[in-house]
Structure formats: structure tokens, C-alpha cells
Amino acid sequence: MDVIETIKQQLSQNPIILYMKGSPNAPQCGFSARTVQALMACGEKFAYVNILEHPEIRESLKTYSNWPTFPQLYVRGELVGGCDIVTEMYEKGELQSLVKDAVAQ
């Protein structure tokens, strides 16, 4: 399976997925750590892919999403954004409702 197909499959199989550096319990950069904190505070399970362990996904996802940096949060297959966007949405209360709605569907 080619890498883009793998990404599409991951997005379709997981209502919430975070492409990040490291893992939720051991983030490897501050941006991933802040994004994970906001997501975990929403109280719902989410999938993740450690892009440091999957360099082919790391490179292909930049092209697929037209978003050059990580982390990248996807909800229901749609790119939400990176750390700044996710953090801002959390502070406004928007991330919580987005996450709850995604899990409820």
C-alpha cells in the first residue's frame, strides 16, 4: 500500500487522530506536548501516529495536507490544524465540542 493510501486509511478509521512527534505519554517536542494536553483535557480517546518513527508518513502528510509543520490534528478526516490553532480552540471551548461531536457520531 502506498503512503497516501495508508494516511487515508488512518484518517477514515479514526475519528480523532494526531500526527505528532513522540507519543501522548512522551511527546518529543513542546508543540506536540501542548497539543496533547489540550486534546487529553477534552476527555476522549484519540489515535496518534509518531511521525519520528514513520518518516515516510511525515514527508507525505506535508504534501497531503498542504500543512508543513507538526503536530497535525485531524477530526473526522479533516485537518483542524497545528498547536496554535488547537490551543486557541481549546481556550475558546471549541475543541471540546468538536471532539465530543466526533466521538458521538
C-alpha atoms as a PDB file:
ATOM      1  CA  MET A   1       0.000   0.000   0.000  1.00  0.00           C
ATOM      2  CA  ASP A   2       1.390   3.412  -0.819  1.00  0.00           C
ATOM      3  CA  VAL A   3       1.875   6.008   1.900  1.00  0.00           C
ATOM      4  CA  ILE A   4      -1.004   8.275   0.838  1.00  0.00           C
ATOM      5  CA  GLU A   5      -3.359   5.282   0.957  1.00  0.00           C
ATOM      6  CA  THR A   6      -2.077   4.472   4.447  1.00  0.00           C
ATOM      7  CA  ILE A   7      -2.785   8.055   5.560  1.00  0.00           C
ATOM      8  CA  LYS A   8      -6.280   7.964   4.051  1.00  0.00           C
ATOM      9  CA  GLN A   9      -6.955   4.666   5.822  1.00  0.00           C
ATOM     10  CA  GLN A  10      -5.759   6.075   9.163  1.00  0.00           C
ATOM     11  CA  LEU A  11      -7.973   9.128   8.724  1.00  0.00           C
ATOM     12  CA  SER A  12     -11.043   7.071   7.827  1.00  0.00           C
ATOM     13  CA  GLN A  13     -10.597   4.588  10.679  1.00  0.00           C
ATOM     14  CA  ASN A  14     -10.018   7.117  13.477  1.00  0.00           C
ATOM     15  CA  PRO A  15     -12.481   9.916  14.271  1.00  0.00           C
ATOM     16  CA  ILE A  16      -9.685  11.817  16.026  1.00  0.00           C
ATOM     17  CA  ILE A  17      -6.049  11.323  15.076  1.00  0.00           C
ATOM     18  CA  LEU A  18      -2.977  13.340  15.917  1.00  0.00           C
ATOM     19  CA  TYR A  19       0.183  13.149  13.858  1.00  0.00           C
ATOM     20  CA  MET A  20       2.843  14.174  16.345  1.00  0.00           C
ATOM     21  CA  LYS A  21       6.461  13.916  17.387  1.00  0.00           C
ATOM     22  CA  GLY A  22       6.595  11.231  20.059  1.00  0.00           C
ATOM     23  CA  SER A  23       3.621   9.757  21.879  1.00  0.00           C
ATOM     24  CA  PRO A  24       0.962  11.279  24.150  1.00  0.00           C
ATOM     25  CA  ASN A  25       2.817   9.965  27.222  1.00  0.00           C
ATOM     26  CA  ALA A  26       6.223  11.060  25.907  1.00  0.00           C
ATOM     27  CA  PRO A  27       5.943  13.945  23.438  1.00  0.00           C
ATOM     28  CA  GLN A  28       9.207  14.786  21.697  1.00  0.00           C
ATOM     29  CA  CYS A  29       8.583  18.500  21.183  1.00  0.00           C
ATOM     30  CA  GLY A  30       6.829  21.298  23.029  1.00  0.00           C
ATOM     31  CA  PHE A  31       4.246  21.847  20.295  1.00  0.00           C
ATOM     32  CA  SER A  32       3.197  18.192  20.383  1.00  0.00           C
ATOM     33  CA  ALA A  33       3.105  18.320  24.197  1.00  0.00           C
ATOM     34  CA  ARG A  34       0.780  21.359  24.239  1.00  0.00           C
ATOM     35  CA  THR A  35      -1.496  19.857  21.608  1.00  0.00           C
ATOM     36  CA  VAL A  36      -1.733  16.566  23.517  1.00  0.00           C
ATOM     37  CA  GLN A  37      -2.548  18.438  26.747  1.00  0.00           C
ATOM     38  CA  ALA A  38      -5.446  20.237  25.074  1.00  0.00           C
ATOM     39  CA  LEU A  39      -6.741  17.027  23.490  1.00  0.00           C
ATOM     40  CA  MET A  40      -6.443  14.992  26.690  1.00  0.00           C
ATOM     41  CA  ALA A  41      -8.275  17.710  28.608  1.00  0.00           C
ATOM     42  CA  CYS A  42     -11.269  17.084  26.321  1.00  0.00           C
ATOM     43  CA  GLY A  43     -11.585  13.649  27.923  1.00  0.00           C
ATOM     44  CA  GLU A  44     -11.999  11.500  24.801  1.00  0.00           C
ATOM     45  CA  LYS A  45      -9.759   8.827  23.328  1.00  0.00           C
ATOM     46  CA  PHE A  46      -7.783   9.681  20.223  1.00  0.00           C
ATOM     47  CA  ALA A  47      -5.373   7.885  17.943  1.00  0.00           C
ATOM     48  CA  TYR A  48      -1.888   9.107  17.221  1.00  0.00           C
ATOM     49  CA  VAL A  49       0.984   8.432  14.860  1.00  0.00           C
ATOM     50  CA  ASN A  50       4.547   9.119  15.943  1.00  0.00           C
ATOM     51  CA  ILE A  51       5.965  10.688  12.788  1.00  0.00           C
ATOM     52  CA  LEU A  52       9.504  10.265  14.109  1.00  0.00           C
ATOM     53  CA  GLU A  53       9.026   6.503  13.759  1.00  0.00           C
ATOM     54  CA  HIS A  54       7.375   6.872  10.339  1.00  0.00           C
ATOM     55  CA  PRO A  55       9.448   9.284   8.209  1.00  0.00           C
ATOM     56  CA  GLU A  56       7.561   8.283   5.044  1.00  0.00           C
ATOM     57  CA  ILE A  57       4.268   9.414   6.645  1.00  0.00           C
ATOM     58  CA  ARG A  58       5.951  12.563   7.933  1.00  0.00           C
ATOM     59  CA  GLU A  59       7.006  13.617   4.432  1.00  0.00           C
ATOM     60  CA  SER A  60       3.856  12.507   2.603  1.00  0.00           C
ATOM     61  CA  LEU A  61       1.493  14.112   5.110  1.00  0.00           C
ATOM     62  CA  LYS A  62       3.020  17.539   4.466  1.00  0.00           C
ATOM     63  CA  THR A  63       2.012  17.215   0.818  1.00  0.00           C
ATOM     64  CA  TYR A  64      -1.343  15.555   1.511  1.00  0.00           C
ATOM     65  CA  SER A  65      -2.433  18.223   3.980  1.00  0.00           C
ATOM     66  CA  ASN A  66      -0.578  21.161   2.430  1.00  0.00           C
ATOM     67  CA  TRP A  67       0.500  21.887   6.025  1.00  0.00           C
ATOM     68  CA  PRO A  68       4.290  21.925   6.565  1.00  0.00           C
ATOM     69  CA  THR A  69       4.566  21.529  10.331  1.00  0.00           C
ATOM     70  CA  PHE A  70       3.680  19.076  13.083  1.00  0.00           C
ATOM     71  CA  PRO A  71       1.664  18.238  15.061  1.00  0.00           C
ATOM     72  CA  GLN A  72      -1.366  17.939  12.798  1.00  0.00           C
ATOM     73  CA  LEU A  73      -4.770  17.176  14.299  1.00  0.00           C
ATOM     74  CA  TYR A  74      -7.488  15.595  12.167  1.00  0.00           C
ATOM     75  CA  VAL A  75     -11.112  15.224  13.211  1.00  0.00           C
ATOM     76  CA  ARG A  76     -13.405  13.126  11.014  1.00  0.00           C
ATOM     77  CA  GLY A  77     -10.759  13.149   8.275  1.00  0.00           C
ATOM     78  CA  GLU A  78     -10.455  16.934   8.167  1.00  0.00           C
ATOM     79  CA  LEU A  79      -7.328  18.829   9.157  1.00  0.00           C
ATOM     80  CA  VAL A  80      -8.066  21.015  12.167  1.00  0.00           C
ATOM     81  CA  GLY A  81      -4.578  22.473  12.412  1.00  0.00           C
ATOM     82  CA  GLY A  82      -1.445  22.530  14.489  1.00  0.00           C
ATOM     83  CA  CYS A  83      -0.551  23.523  18.006  1.00  0.00           C
ATOM     84  CA  ASP A  84      -1.557  27.196  17.899  1.00  0.00           C
ATOM     85  CA  ILE A  85      -4.950  26.524  16.332  1.00  0.00           C
ATOM     86  CA  VAL A  86      -5.725  23.577  18.638  1.00  0.00           C
ATOM     87  CA  THR A  87      -4.656  25.530  21.738  1.00  0.00           C
ATOM     88  CA  GLU A  88      -6.728  28.543  20.728  1.00  0.00           C
ATOM     89  CA  MET A  89      -9.756  26.368  20.013  1.00  0.00           C
ATOM     90  CA  TYR A  90      -9.381  24.720  23.422  1.00  0.00           C
ATOM     91  CA  GLU A  91      -9.182  28.091  25.196  1.00  0.00           C
ATOM     92  CA  LYS A  92     -12.382  29.207  23.433  1.00  0.00           C
ATOM     93  CA  GLY A  93     -14.183  25.933  24.259  1.00  0.00           C
ATOM     94  CA  GLU A  94     -14.453  24.996  20.564  1.00  0.00           C
ATOM     95  CA  LEU A  95     -12.137  21.972  20.680  1.00  0.00           C
ATOM     96  CA  GLN A  96     -14.155  20.285  23.412  1.00  0.00           C
ATOM     97  CA  SER A  97     -17.389  20.364  21.407  1.00  0.00           C
ATOM     98  CA  LEU A  98     -15.609  19.346  18.177  1.00  0.00           C
ATOM     99  CA  VAL A  99     -14.044  16.336  19.899  1.00  0.00           C
ATOM    100  CA  LYS A 100     -17.264  15.304  21.678  1.00  0.00           C
ATOM    101  CA  ASP A 101     -19.251  15.548  18.418  1.00  0.00           C
ATOM    102  CA  ALA A 102     -16.658  13.496  16.525  1.00  0.00           C
ATOM    103  CA  VAL A 103     -16.784  10.676  19.076  1.00  0.00           C
ATOM    104  CA  ALA A 104     -20.588  10.730  19.264  1.00  0.00           C
ATOM    105  CA  GLN A 105     -21.061  10.152  15.504  1.00  0.00           C
END
